[in-house]
Amino acid sequence: MYLTKDVPNEEYEPYNEPGFEGVLRRKLLNPENSSKQFALRTYIIDPNGHTALDRHSHEHGVYILSGELDVRVGDRQAIVRTGDVLHIASDEPHQFINRANEYAKFLCVRDFA
């Protein structure tokens, strides 16, 4: 068994990859600490922050914990809010943008297939 917990936002690590702006991340479960088949991470996006337009061979499950985000998946766009759940299939281009005046936080699970 491996047990961890969330931490205050100020203890998250900046996610400083190209195309990301105002994004923080916390790795909860992953191959470095417990799980060999999937990763569970929490992300925080500051107001006016965004992820890169990204595409991966793995799929994602996303649960919006708080806030509101504009999301682009493939050629579709939507606004997701607290409590919404989103599936992003393998190789689907996707991006999250925070146009709100408060941070948004979401949980993301991905496989290692």
PDB file of N, CA and C in Angstrom:
ATOM      1  N   MET A   1       0.842  -1.178   0.000  1.00  0.00           N
ATOM      2  CA  MET A   1       0.000   0.000   0.000  1.00  0.00           C
ATOM      3  C   MET A   1       0.889   1.243   0.000  1.00  0.00           C
ATOM      4  N   TYR A   2       0.450   2.227  -0.731  1.00  0.00           N
ATOM      5  CA  TYR A   2       1.110   3.534  -0.738  1.00  0.00           C
ATOM      6  C   TYR A   2       0.042   4.558  -0.424  1.00  0.00           C
ATOM      7  N   LEU A   3       0.311   5.447   0.515  1.00  0.00           N
ATOM      8  CA  LEU A   3      -0.649   6.468   0.931  1.00  0.00           C
ATOM      9  C   LEU A   3      -0.023   7.841   0.779  1.00  0.00           C
ATOM     10  N   THR A   4      -0.749   8.753   0.168  1.00  0.00           N
ATOM     11  CA  THR A   4      -0.310  10.139   0.030  1.00  0.00           C
ATOM     12  C   THR A   4      -1.535  11.021   0.188  1.00  0.00           C
ATOM     13  N   LYS A   5      -1.350  12.327   0.100  1.00  0.00           N
ATOM     14  CA  LYS A   5      -2.496  13.230   0.159  1.00  0.00           C
ATOM     15  C   LYS A   5      -2.166  14.507  -0.594  1.00  0.00           C
ATOM     16  N   ASP A   6      -3.192  15.277  -0.839  1.00  0.00           N
ATOM     17  CA  ASP A   6      -3.006  16.555  -1.505  1.00  0.00           C
ATOM     18  C   ASP A   6      -2.336  17.524  -0.530  1.00  0.00           C
ATOM     19  N   VAL A   7      -1.778  18.586  -1.073  1.00  0.00           N
ATOM     20  CA  VAL A   7      -1.091  19.606  -0.273  1.00  0.00           C
ATOM     21  C   VAL A   7      -1.661  20.968  -0.647  1.00  0.00           C
ATOM     22  N   PRO A   8      -1.368  22.016   0.133  1.00  0.00           N
ATOM     23  CA  PRO A   8      -1.821  23.354  -0.251  1.00  0.00           C
ATOM     24  C   PRO A   8      -1.270  23.742  -1.634  1.00  0.00           C
ATOM     25  N   ASN A   9      -2.012  24.559  -2.341  1.00  0.00           N
ATOM     26  CA  ASN A   9      -1.643  24.956  -3.701  1.00  0.00           C
ATOM     27  C   ASN A   9      -0.220  25.487  -3.801  1.00  0.00           C
ATOM     28  N   GLU A  10       0.222  26.225  -2.802  1.00  0.00           N
ATOM     29  CA  GLU A  10       1.567  26.824  -2.876  1.00  0.00           C
ATOM     30  C   GLU A  10       2.683  25.776  -2.807  1.00  0.00           C
ATOM     31  N   GLU A  11       2.342  24.539  -2.464  1.00  0.00           N
ATOM     32  CA  GLU A  11       3.336  23.475  -2.428  1.00  0.00           C
ATOM     33  C   GLU A  11       3.390  22.652  -3.720  1.00  0.00           C
ATOM     34  N   TYR A  12       2.536  22.974  -4.682  1.00  0.00           N
ATOM     35  CA  TYR A  12       2.582  22.303  -5.986  1.00  0.00           C
ATOM     36  C   TYR A  12       3.834  22.737  -6.735  1.00  0.00           C
ATOM     37  N   GLU A  13       4.284  21.905  -7.666  1.00  0.00           N
ATOM     38  CA  GLU A  13       5.462  22.249  -8.467  1.00  0.00           C
ATOM     39  C   GLU A  13       5.024  22.930  -9.765  1.00  0.00           C
ATOM     40  N   PRO A  14       5.733  23.960 -10.189  1.00  0.00           N
ATOM     41  CA  PRO A  14       5.416  24.591 -11.482  1.00  0.00           C
ATOM     42  C   PRO A  14       5.625  23.585 -12.613  1.00  0.00           C
ATOM     43  N   TYR A  15       4.732  23.599 -13.568  1.00  0.00           N
ATOM     44  CA  TYR A  15       4.852  22.734 -14.740  1.00  0.00           C
ATOM     45  C   TYR A  15       5.368  23.598 -15.872  1.00  0.00           C
ATOM     46  N   ASN A  16       6.674  23.604 -16.049  1.00  0.00           N
ATOM     47  CA  ASN A  16       7.346  24.542 -16.955  1.00  0.00           C
ATOM     48  C   ASN A  16       7.739  23.905 -18.279  1.00  0.00           C
ATOM     49  N   GLU A  17       6.808  23.247 -18.922  1.00  0.00           N
ATOM     50  CA  GLU A  17       7.062  22.679 -20.236  1.00  0.00           C
ATOM     51  C   GLU A  17       6.683  23.707 -21.299  1.00  0.00           C
ATOM     52  N   PRO A  18       7.262  23.623 -22.498  1.00  0.00           N
ATOM     53  CA  PRO A  18       6.908  24.560 -23.573  1.00  0.00           C
ATOM     54  C   PRO A  18       5.404  24.556 -23.847  1.00  0.00           C
ATOM     55  N   GLY A  19       4.825  25.745 -23.966  1.00  0.00           N
ATOM     56  CA  GLY A  19       3.404  25.884 -24.265  1.00  0.00           C
ATOM     57  C   GLY A  19       2.505  25.945 -23.049  1.00  0.00           C
ATOM     58  N   PHE A  20       3.056  25.698 -21.861  1.00  0.00           N
ATOM     59  CA  PHE A  20       2.269  25.766 -20.626  1.00  0.00           C
ATOM     60  C   PHE A  20       2.511  27.118 -19.963  1.00  0.00           C
ATOM     61  N   GLU A  21       1.450  27.714 -19.441  1.00  0.00           N
ATOM     62  CA  GLU A  21       1.562  29.011 -18.767  1.00  0.00           C
ATOM     63  C   GLU A  21       0.682  28.998 -17.527  1.00  0.00           C
ATOM     64  N   GLY A  22       1.278  29.255 -16.358  1.00  0.00           N
ATOM     65  CA  GLY A  22       0.500  29.329 -15.122  1.00  0.00           C
ATOM     66  C   GLY A  22      -0.095  27.998 -14.698  1.00  0.00           C
ATOM     67  N   VAL A  23       0.661  26.909 -14.901  1.00  0.00           N
ATOM     68  CA  VAL A  23       0.169  25.577 -14.559  1.00  0.00           C
ATOM     69  C   VAL A  23       1.054  24.983 -13.459  1.00  0.00           C
ATOM     70  N   LEU A  24       0.403  24.421 -12.442  1.00  0.00           N
ATOM     71  CA  LEU A  24       1.083  23.732 -11.348  1.00  0.00           C
ATOM     72  C   LEU A  24       0.637  22.276 -11.351  1.00  0.00           C
ATOM     73  N   ARG A  25       1.510  21.376 -10.857  1.00  0.00           N
ATOM     74  CA  ARG A  25       1.178  19.952 -10.875  1.00  0.00           C
ATOM     75  C   ARG A  25       1.624  19.286  -9.588  1.00  0.00           C
ATOM     76  N   ARG A  26       0.875  18.269  -9.195  1.00  0.00           N
ATOM     77  CA  ARG A  26       1.264  17.402  -8.075  1.00  0.00           C
ATOM     78  C   ARG A  26       1.065  15.966  -8.530  1.00  0.00           C
ATOM     79  N   LYS A  27       2.121  15.187  -8.485  1.00  0.00           N
ATOM     80  CA  LYS A  27       2.054  13.768  -8.835  1.00  0.00           C
ATOM     81  C   LYS A  27       1.591  13.004  -7.602  1.00  0.00           C
ATOM     82  N   LEU A  28       0.454  12.352  -7.702  1.00  0.00           N
ATOM     83  CA  LEU A  28      -0.078  11.600  -6.575  1.00  0.00           C
ATOM     84  C   LEU A  28       0.340  10.129  -6.645  1.00  0.00           C
ATOM     85  N   LEU A  29       0.015   9.469  -7.737  1.00  0.00           N
ATOM     86  CA  LEU A  29       0.396   8.070  -7.950  1.00  0.00           C
ATOM     87  C   LEU A  29       1.055   7.952  -9.310  1.00  0.00           C
ATOM     88  N   ASN A  30       2.149   7.205  -9.373  1.00  0.00           N
ATOM     89  CA  ASN A  30       2.878   7.031 -10.631  1.00  0.00           C
ATOM     90  C   ASN A  30       3.943   5.953 -10.435  1.00  0.00           C
ATOM     91  N   PRO A  31       4.646   5.588 -11.511  1.00  0.00           N
ATOM     92  CA  PRO A  31       5.657   4.531 -11.374  1.00  0.00           C
ATOM     93  C   PRO A  31       6.790   4.855 -10.401  1.00  0.00           C
ATOM     94  N   GLU A  32       7.050   6.108 -10.132  1.00  0.00           N
ATOM     95  CA  GLU A  32       8.117   6.443  -9.186  1.00  0.00           C
ATOM     96  C   GLU A  32       7.754   6.127  -7.739  1.00  0.00           C
ATOM     97  N   ASN A  33       6.445   6.039  -7.427  1.00  0.00           N
ATOM     98  CA  ASN A  33       6.101   5.816  -6.030  1.00  0.00           C
ATOM     99  C   ASN A  33       5.174   4.626  -5.778  1.00  0.00           C
ATOM    100  N   SER A  34       4.446   4.149  -6.779  1.00  0.00           N
ATOM    101  CA  SER A  34       3.533   3.046  -6.462  1.00  0.00           C
ATOM    102  C   SER A  34       2.973   2.335  -7.684  1.00  0.00           C
ATOM    103  N   SER A  35       2.262   3.021  -8.524  1.00  0.00           N
ATOM    104  CA  SER A  35       1.517   2.396  -9.611  1.00  0.00           C
ATOM    105  C   SER A  35       2.391   2.158 -10.837  1.00  0.00           C
ATOM    106  N   LYS A  36       2.253   1.008 -11.440  1.00  0.00           N
ATOM    107  CA  LYS A  36       3.029   0.683 -12.644  1.00  0.00           C
ATOM    108  C   LYS A  36       2.198   0.821 -13.921  1.00  0.00           C
ATOM    109  N   GLN A  37       0.874   0.907 -13.812  1.00  0.00           N
ATOM    110  CA  GLN A  37      -0.004   0.913 -14.977  1.00  0.00           C
ATOM    111  C   GLN A  37      -0.651   2.272 -15.277  1.00  0.00           C
ATOM    112  N   PHE A  38      -0.674   3.169 -14.289  1.00  0.00           N
ATOM    113  CA  PHE A  38      -1.330   4.455 -14.500  1.00  0.00           C
ATOM    114  C   PHE A  38      -0.698   5.520 -13.623  1.00  0.00           C
ATOM    115  N   ALA A  39      -1.027   6.769 -13.951  1.00  0.00           N
ATOM    116  CA  ALA A  39      -0.601   7.904 -13.117  1.00  0.00           C
ATOM    117  C   ALA A  39      -1.840   8.691 -12.726  1.00  0.00           C
ATOM    118  N   LEU A  40      -1.834   9.208 -11.518  1.00  0.00           N
ATOM    119  CA  LEU A  40      -2.895  10.075 -11.013  1.00  0.00           C
ATOM    120  C   LEU A  40      -2.235  11.375 -10.590  1.00  0.00           C
ATOM    121  N   ARG A  41      -2.661  12.471 -11.200  1.00  0.00           N
ATOM    122  CA  ARG A  41      -2.049  13.774 -10.942  1.00  0.00           C
ATOM    123  C   ARG A  41      -3.119  14.829 -10.735  1.00  0.00           C
ATOM    124  N   THR A  42      -2.770  15.863 -10.015  1.00  0.00           N
ATOM    125  CA  THR A  42      -3.643  17.011  -9.847  1.00  0.00           C
ATOM    126  C   THR A  42      -2.963  18.210 -10.483  1.00  0.00           C
ATOM    127  N   TYR A  43      -3.730  18.998 -11.211  1.00  0.00           N
ATOM    128  CA  TYR A  43      -3.215  20.205 -11.868  1.00  0.00           C
ATOM    129  C   TYR A  43      -3.998  21.410 -11.385  1.00  0.00           C
ATOM    130  N   ILE A  44      -3.318  22.531 -11.288  1.00  0.00           N
ATOM    131  CA  ILE A  44      -3.932  23.823 -10.989  1.00  0.00           C
ATOM    132  C   ILE A  44      -3.554  24.754 -12.128  1.00  0.00           C
ATOM    133  N   ILE A  45      -4.555  25.441 -12.681  1.00  0.00           N
ATOM    134  CA  ILE A  45      -4.291  26.418 -13.731  1.00  0.00           C
ATOM    135  C   ILE A  45      -4.728  27.783 -13.218  1.00  0.00           C
ATOM    136  N   ASP A  46      -3.784  28.704 -13.173  1.00  0.00           N
ATOM    137  CA  ASP A  46      -4.056  30.069 -12.713  1.00  0.00           C
ATOM    138  C   ASP A  46      -4.964  30.799 -13.687  1.00  0.00           C
ATOM    139  N   PRO A  47      -5.612  31.891 -13.241  1.00  0.00           N
ATOM    140  CA  PRO A  47      -6.365  32.727 -14.169  1.00  0.00           C
ATOM    141  C   PRO A  47      -5.463  33.130 -15.338  1.00  0.00           C
ATOM    142  N   ASN A  48      -6.000  33.059 -16.544  1.00  0.00           N
ATOM    143  CA  ASN A  48      -5.286  33.349 -17.791  1.00  0.00           C
ATOM    144  C   ASN A  48      -4.178  32.334 -18.097  1.00  0.00           C
ATOM    145  N   GLY A  49      -4.111  31.250 -17.360  1.00  0.00           N
ATOM    146  CA  GLY A  49      -3.141  30.201 -17.641  1.00  0.00           C
ATOM    147  C   GLY A  49      -3.708  29.183 -18.611  1.00  0.00           C
ATOM    148  N   HIS A  50      -2.836  28.324 -19.133  1.00  0.00           N
ATOM    149  CA  HIS A  50      -3.280  27.305 -20.086  1.00  0.00           C
ATOM    150  C   HIS A  50      -2.235  26.200 -20.214  1.00  0.00           C
ATOM    151  N   THR A  51      -2.707  25.053 -20.670  1.00  0.00           N
ATOM    152  CA  THR A  51      -1.801  23.978 -21.034  1.00  0.00           C
ATOM    153  C   THR A  51      -1.443  24.147 -22.506  1.00  0.00           C
ATOM    154  N   ALA A  52      -0.470  23.405 -22.951  1.00  0.00           N
ATOM    155  CA  ALA A  52      -0.126  23.397 -24.375  1.00  0.00           C
ATOM    156  C   ALA A  52      -1.205  22.627 -25.133  1.00  0.00           C
ATOM    157  N   LEU A  53      -1.314  22.887 -26.416  1.00  0.00           N
ATOM    158  CA  LEU A  53      -2.134  22.028 -27.270  1.00  0.00           C
ATOM    159  C   LEU A  53      -1.311  20.755 -27.431  1.00  0.00           C
ATOM    160  N   ASP A  54      -1.767  19.681 -26.821  1.00  0.00           N
ATOM    161  CA  ASP A  54      -0.965  18.478 -26.666  1.00  0.00           C
ATOM    162  C   ASP A  54      -1.648  17.287 -27.302  1.00  0.00           C
ATOM    163  N   ARG A  55      -0.877  16.251 -27.561  1.00  0.00           N
ATOM    164  CA  ARG A  55      -1.393  15.015 -28.149  1.00  0.00           C
ATOM    165  C   ARG A  55      -0.496  13.875 -27.652  1.00  0.00           C
ATOM    166  N   HIS A  56      -1.113  12.801 -27.148  1.00  0.00           N
ATOM    167  CA  HIS A  56      -0.363  11.678 -26.590  1.00  0.00           C
ATOM    168  C   HIS A  56      -0.921  10.354 -27.081  1.00  0.00           C
ATOM    169  N   SER A  57      -0.130   9.320 -26.979  1.00  0.00           N
ATOM    170  CA  SER A  57      -0.609   7.982 -27.325  1.00  0.00           C
ATOM    171  C   SER A  57      -1.445   7.378 -26.199  1.00  0.00           C
ATOM    172  N   HIS A  58      -1.402   7.971 -25.016  1.00  0.00           N
ATOM    173  CA  HIS A  58      -2.209   7.467 -23.899  1.00  0.00           C
ATOM    174  C   HIS A  58      -3.510   8.258 -23.780  1.00  0.00           C
ATOM    175  N   GLU A  59      -4.500   7.624 -23.144  1.00  0.00           N
ATOM    176  CA  GLU A  59      -5.759   8.324 -22.909  1.00  0.00           C
ATOM    177  C   GLU A  59      -5.771   8.925 -21.512  1.00  0.00           C
ATOM    178  N   HIS A  60      -6.692   9.870 -21.299  1.00  0.00           N
ATOM    179  CA  HIS A  60      -6.813  10.578 -20.021  1.00  0.00           C
ATOM    180  C   HIS A  60      -8.252  10.512 -19.523  1.00  0.00           C
ATOM    181  N   GLY A  61      -8.396  10.492 -18.220  1.00  0.00           N
ATOM    182  CA  GLY A  61      -9.668  10.753 -17.564  1.00  0.00           C
ATOM    183  C   GLY A  61      -9.454  11.995 -16.724  1.00  0.00           C
ATOM    184  N   VAL A  62     -10.330  12.981 -16.821  1.00  0.00           N
ATOM    185  CA  VAL A  62     -10.170  14.259 -16.117  1.00  0.00           C
ATOM    186  C   VAL A  62     -11.432  14.538 -15.303  1.00  0.00           C
ATOM    187  N   TYR A  63     -11.241  14.890 -14.030  1.00  0.00           N
ATOM    188  CA  TYR A  63     -12.343  15.264 -13.136  1.00  0.00           C
ATOM    189  C   TYR A  63     -12.070  16.679 -12.639  1.00  0.00           C
ATOM    190  N   ILE A  64     -12.980  17.597 -12.906  1.00  0.00           N
ATOM    191  CA  ILE A  64     -12.801  18.994 -12.509  1.00  0.00           C
ATOM    192  C   ILE A  64     -13.156  19.133 -11.026  1.00  0.00           C
ATOM    193  N   LEU A  65     -12.162  19.455 -10.209  1.00  0.00           N
ATOM    194  CA  LEU A  65     -12.351  19.601  -8.764  1.00  0.00           C
ATOM    195  C   LEU A  65     -12.908  20.964  -8.396  1.00  0.00           C
ATOM    196  N   SER A  66     -12.444  22.018  -9.094  1.00  0.00           N
ATOM    197  CA  SER A  66     -12.941  23.368  -8.816  1.00  0.00           C
ATOM    198  C   SER A  66     -12.660  24.270 -10.006  1.00  0.00           C
ATOM    199  N   GLY A  67     -13.473  25.290 -10.136  1.00  0.00           N
ATOM    200  CA  GLY A  67     -13.263  26.277 -11.180  1.00  0.00           C
ATOM    201  C   GLY A  67     -13.955  25.936 -12.484  1.00  0.00           C
ATOM    202  N   GLU A  68     -13.510  26.637 -13.519  1.00  0.00           N
ATOM    203  CA  GLU A  68     -14.100  26.528 -14.846  1.00  0.00           C
ATOM    204  C   GLU A  68     -12.987  26.636 -15.878  1.00  0.00           C
ATOM    205  N   LEU A  69     -13.012  25.777 -16.874  1.00  0.00           N
ATOM    206  CA  LEU A  69     -11.986  25.778 -17.914  1.00  0.00           C
ATOM    207  C   LEU A  69     -12.624  25.667 -19.287  1.00  0.00           C
ATOM    208  N   ASP A  70     -12.043  26.337 -20.252  1.00  0.00           N
ATOM    209  CA  ASP A  70     -12.354  26.081 -21.650  1.00  0.00           C
ATOM    210  C   ASP A  70     -11.483  24.906 -22.056  1.00  0.00           C
ATOM    211  N   VAL A  71     -12.075  23.917 -22.668  1.00  0.00           N
ATOM    212  CA  VAL A  71     -11.309  22.754 -23.102  1.00  0.00           C
ATOM    213  C   VAL A  71     -11.526  22.548 -24.593  1.00  0.00           C
ATOM    214  N   ARG A  72     -10.442  22.235 -25.255  1.00  0.00           N
ATOM    215  CA  ARG A  72     -10.475  21.888 -26.678  1.00  0.00           C
ATOM    216  C   ARG A  72      -9.994  20.455 -26.800  1.00  0.00           C
ATOM    217  N   VAL A  73     -10.795  19.620 -27.415  1.00  0.00           N
ATOM    218  CA  VAL A  73     -10.428  18.231 -27.667  1.00  0.00           C
ATOM    219  C   VAL A  73     -10.757  17.950 -29.128  1.00  0.00           C
ATOM    220  N   GLY A  74      -9.726  17.698 -29.915  1.00  0.00           N
ATOM    221  CA  GLY A  74      -9.919  17.537 -31.349  1.00  0.00           C
ATOM    222  C   GLY A  74     -10.450  18.830 -31.932  1.00  0.00           C
ATOM    223  N   ASP A  75     -11.544  18.744 -32.664  1.00  0.00           N
ATOM    224  CA  ASP A  75     -12.141  19.953 -33.242  1.00  0.00           C
ATOM    225  C   ASP A  75     -13.339  20.436 -32.437  1.00  0.00           C
ATOM    226  N   ARG A  76     -13.515  19.892 -31.220  1.00  0.00           N
ATOM    227  CA  ARG A  76     -14.643  20.296 -30.367  1.00  0.00           C
ATOM    228  C   ARG A  76     -14.149  21.147 -29.204  1.00  0.00           C
ATOM    229  N   GLN A  77     -15.007  22.075 -28.761  1.00  0.00           N
ATOM    230  CA  GLN A  77     -14.704  22.920 -27.610  1.00  0.00           C
ATOM    231  C   GLN A  77     -15.869  22.879 -26.642  1.00  0.00           C
ATOM    232  N   ALA A  78     -15.557  23.020 -25.350  1.00  0.00           N
ATOM    233  CA  ALA A  78     -16.588  23.019 -24.312  1.00  0.00           C
ATOM    234  C   ALA A  78     -16.074  23.792 -23.114  1.00  0.00           C
ATOM    235  N   ILE A  79     -16.988  24.181 -22.260  1.00  0.00           N
ATOM    236  CA  ILE A  79     -16.629  24.742 -20.957  1.00  0.00           C
ATOM    237  C   ILE A  79     -16.922  23.653 -19.933  1.00  0.00           C
ATOM    238  N   VAL A  80     -15.921  23.314 -19.130  1.00  0.00           N
ATOM    239  CA  VAL A  80     -16.095  22.320 -18.074  1.00  0.00           C
ATOM    240  C   VAL A  80     -16.008  23.022 -16.727  1.00  0.00           C
ATOM    241  N   ARG A  81     -16.809  22.525 -15.792  1.00  0.00           N
ATOM    242  CA  ARG A  81     -16.917  23.147 -14.469  1.00  0.00           C
ATOM    243  C   ARG A  81     -16.806  22.082 -13.378  1.00  0.00           C
ATOM    244  N   THR A  82     -16.736  22.533 -12.152  1.00  0.00           N
ATOM    245  CA  THR A  82     -16.654  21.657 -10.984  1.00  0.00           C
ATOM    246  C   THR A  82     -17.629  20.491 -11.123  1.00  0.00           C
ATOM    247  N   GLY A  83     -17.100  19.286 -10.963  1.00  0.00           N
ATOM    248  CA  GLY A  83     -17.917  18.077 -11.020  1.00  0.00           C
ATOM    249  C   GLY A  83     -17.982  17.432 -12.387  1.00  0.00           C
ATOM    250  N   ASP A  84     -17.560  18.120 -13.438  1.00  0.00           N
ATOM    251  CA  ASP A  84     -17.576  17.529 -14.781  1.00  0.00           C
ATOM    252  C   ASP A  84     -16.461  16.507 -14.918  1.00  0.00           C
ATOM    253  N   VAL A  85     -16.723  15.478 -15.721  1.00  0.00           N
ATOM    254  CA  VAL A  85     -15.758  14.421 -16.001  1.00  0.00           C
ATOM    255  C   VAL A  85     -15.579  14.347 -17.510  1.00  0.00           C
ATOM    256  N   LEU A  86     -14.343  14.248 -17.936  1.00  0.00           N
ATOM    257  CA  LEU A  86     -14.004  14.295 -19.348  1.00  0.00           C
ATOM    258  C   LEU A  86     -13.095  13.127 -19.706  1.00  0.00           C
ATOM    259  N   HIS A  87     -13.357  12.484 -20.822  1.00  0.00           N
ATOM    260  CA  HIS A  87     -12.465  11.450 -21.352  1.00  0.00           C
ATOM    261  C   HIS A  87     -11.785  12.009 -22.584  1.00  0.00           C
ATOM    262  N   ILE A  88     -10.469  11.865 -22.661  1.00  0.00           N
ATOM    263  CA  ILE A  88      -9.686  12.267 -23.827  1.00  0.00           C
ATOM    264  C   ILE A  88      -9.043  10.997 -24.366  1.00  0.00           C
ATOM    265  N   ALA A  89      -9.434  10.611 -25.571  1.00  0.00           N
ATOM    266  CA  ALA A  89      -8.942   9.379 -26.175  1.00  0.00           C
ATOM    267  C   ALA A  89      -7.488   9.523 -26.610  1.00  0.00           C
ATOM    268  N   SER A  90      -6.845   8.412 -26.883  1.00  0.00           N
ATOM    269  CA  SER A  90      -5.475   8.406 -27.395  1.00  0.00           C
ATOM    270  C   SER A  90      -5.393   9.247 -28.660  1.00  0.00           C
ATOM    271  N   ASP A  91      -4.316   9.995 -28.780  1.00  0.00           N
ATOM    272  CA  ASP A  91      -3.999  10.793 -29.967  1.00  0.00           C
ATOM    273  C   ASP A  91      -4.981  11.923 -30.263  1.00  0.00           C
ATOM    274  N   GLU A  92      -5.873  12.266 -29.328  1.00  0.00           N
ATOM    275  CA  GLU A  92      -6.749  13.423 -29.523  1.00  0.00           C
ATOM    276  C   GLU A  92      -6.002  14.675 -29.066  1.00  0.00           C
ATOM    277  N   PRO A  93      -5.856  15.682 -29.926  1.00  0.00           N
ATOM    278  CA  PRO A  93      -5.256  16.941 -29.482  1.00  0.00           C
ATOM    279  C   PRO A  93      -6.161  17.561 -28.407  1.00  0.00           C
ATOM    280  N   HIS A  94      -5.537  18.124 -27.367  1.00  0.00           N
ATOM    281  CA  HIS A  94      -6.334  18.698 -26.282  1.00  0.00           C
ATOM    282  C   HIS A  94      -5.587  19.853 -25.619  1.00  0.00           C
ATOM    283  N   GLN A  95      -6.383  20.780 -25.071  1.00  0.00           N
ATOM    284  CA  GLN A  95      -5.828  21.945 -24.381  1.00  0.00           C
ATOM    285  C   GLN A  95      -6.849  22.452 -23.370  1.00  0.00           C
ATOM    286  N   PHE A  96      -6.346  22.909 -22.218  1.00  0.00           N
ATOM    287  CA  PHE A  96      -7.176  23.516 -21.176  1.00  0.00           C
ATOM    288  C   PHE A  96      -6.770  24.979 -21.030  1.00  0.00           C
ATOM    289  N   ILE A  97      -7.758  25.875 -20.996  1.00  0.00           N
ATOM    290  CA  ILE A  97      -7.503  27.311 -20.860  1.00  0.00           C
ATOM    291  C   ILE A  97      -8.382  27.847 -19.735  1.00  0.00           C
ATOM    292  N   ASN A  98      -7.780  28.596 -18.819  1.00  0.00           N
ATOM    293  CA  ASN A  98      -8.535  29.203 -17.724  1.00  0.00           C
ATOM    294  C   ASN A  98      -8.775  30.673 -18.033  1.00  0.00           C
ATOM    295  N   ARG A  99      -9.996  31.004 -18.428  1.00  0.00           N
ATOM    296  CA  ARG A  99     -10.358  32.400 -18.722  1.00  0.00           C
ATOM    297  C   ARG A  99     -11.053  33.060 -17.526  1.00  0.00           C
ATOM    298  N   ALA A 100     -11.238  32.313 -16.447  1.00  0.00           N
ATOM    299  CA  ALA A 100     -11.931  32.815 -15.256  1.00  0.00           C
ATOM    300  C   ALA A 100     -10.989  33.648 -14.396  1.00  0.00           C
ATOM    301  N   ASN A 101     -11.540  34.249 -13.355  1.00  0.00           N
ATOM    302  CA  ASN A 101     -10.761  35.110 -12.448  1.00  0.00           C
ATOM    303  C   ASN A 101     -10.247  34.359 -11.225  1.00  0.00           C
ATOM    304  N   GLU A 102     -10.441  33.051 -11.185  1.00  0.00           N
ATOM    305  CA  GLU A 102      -9.918  32.247 -10.077  1.00  0.00           C
ATOM    306  C   GLU A 102      -9.269  30.988 -10.650  1.00  0.00           C
ATOM    307  N   TYR A 103      -8.435  30.366  -9.859  1.00  0.00           N
ATOM    308  CA  TYR A 103      -7.741  29.194 -10.348  1.00  0.00           C
ATOM    309  C   TYR A 103      -8.741  28.054 -10.572  1.00  0.00           C
ATOM    310  N   ALA A 104      -8.347  27.122 -11.403  1.00  0.00           N
ATOM    311  CA  ALA A 104      -9.119  25.899 -11.630  1.00  0.00           C
ATOM    312  C   ALA A 104      -8.224  24.717 -11.268  1.00  0.00           C
ATOM    313  N   LYS A 105      -8.834  23.666 -10.761  1.00  0.00           N
ATOM    314  CA  LYS A 105      -8.071  22.507 -10.307  1.00  0.00           C
ATOM    315  C   LYS A 105      -8.743  21.247 -10.842  1.00  0.00           C
ATOM    316  N   PHE A 106      -7.921  20.326 -11.372  1.00  0.00           N
ATOM    317  CA  PHE A 106      -8.496  19.076 -11.851  1.00  0.00           C
ATOM    318  C   PHE A 106      -7.585  17.899 -11.564  1.00  0.00           C
ATOM    319  N   LEU A 107      -8.209  16.751 -11.505  1.00  0.00           N
ATOM    320  CA  LEU A 107      -7.544  15.478 -11.283  1.00  0.00           C
ATOM    321  C   LEU A 107      -7.462  14.783 -12.640  1.00  0.00           C
ATOM    322  N   CYS A 108      -6.307  14.221 -12.935  1.00  0.00           N
ATOM    323  CA  CYS A 108      -6.105  13.561 -14.221  1.00  0.00           C
ATOM    324  C   CYS A 108      -5.503  12.181 -13.995  1.00  0.00           C
ATOM    325  N   VAL A 109      -6.125  11.177 -14.591  1.00  0.00           N
ATOM    326  CA  VAL A 109      -5.571   9.833 -14.568  1.00  0.00           C
ATOM    327  C   VAL A 109      -5.224   9.461 -16.009  1.00  0.00           C
ATOM    328  N   ARG A 110      -4.069   8.826 -16.166  1.00  0.00           N
ATOM    329  CA  ARG A 110      -3.643   8.392 -17.496  1.00  0.00           C
ATOM    330  C   ARG A 110      -3.023   7.005 -17.388  1.00  0.00           C
ATOM    331  N   ASP A 111      -3.113   6.274 -18.483  1.00  0.00           N
ATOM    332  CA  ASP A 111      -2.540   4.943 -18.491  1.00  0.00           C
ATOM    333  C   ASP A 111      -1.118   4.982 -19.019  1.00  0.00           C
ATOM    334  N   PHE A 112      -0.411   3.872 -18.872  1.00  0.00           N
ATOM    335  CA  PHE A 112       0.938   3.749 -19.399  1.00  0.00           C
ATOM    336  C   PHE A 112       0.998   2.690 -20.477  1.00  0.00           C
ATOM    337  N   ALA A 113      -0.099   2.546 -21.219  1.00  0.00           N
ATOM    338  CA  ALA A 113      -0.156   1.551 -22.304  1.00  0.00           C
ATOM    339  C   ALA A 113       0.751   1.948 -23.441  1.00  0.00           C
TER     340      ALA A 113
END
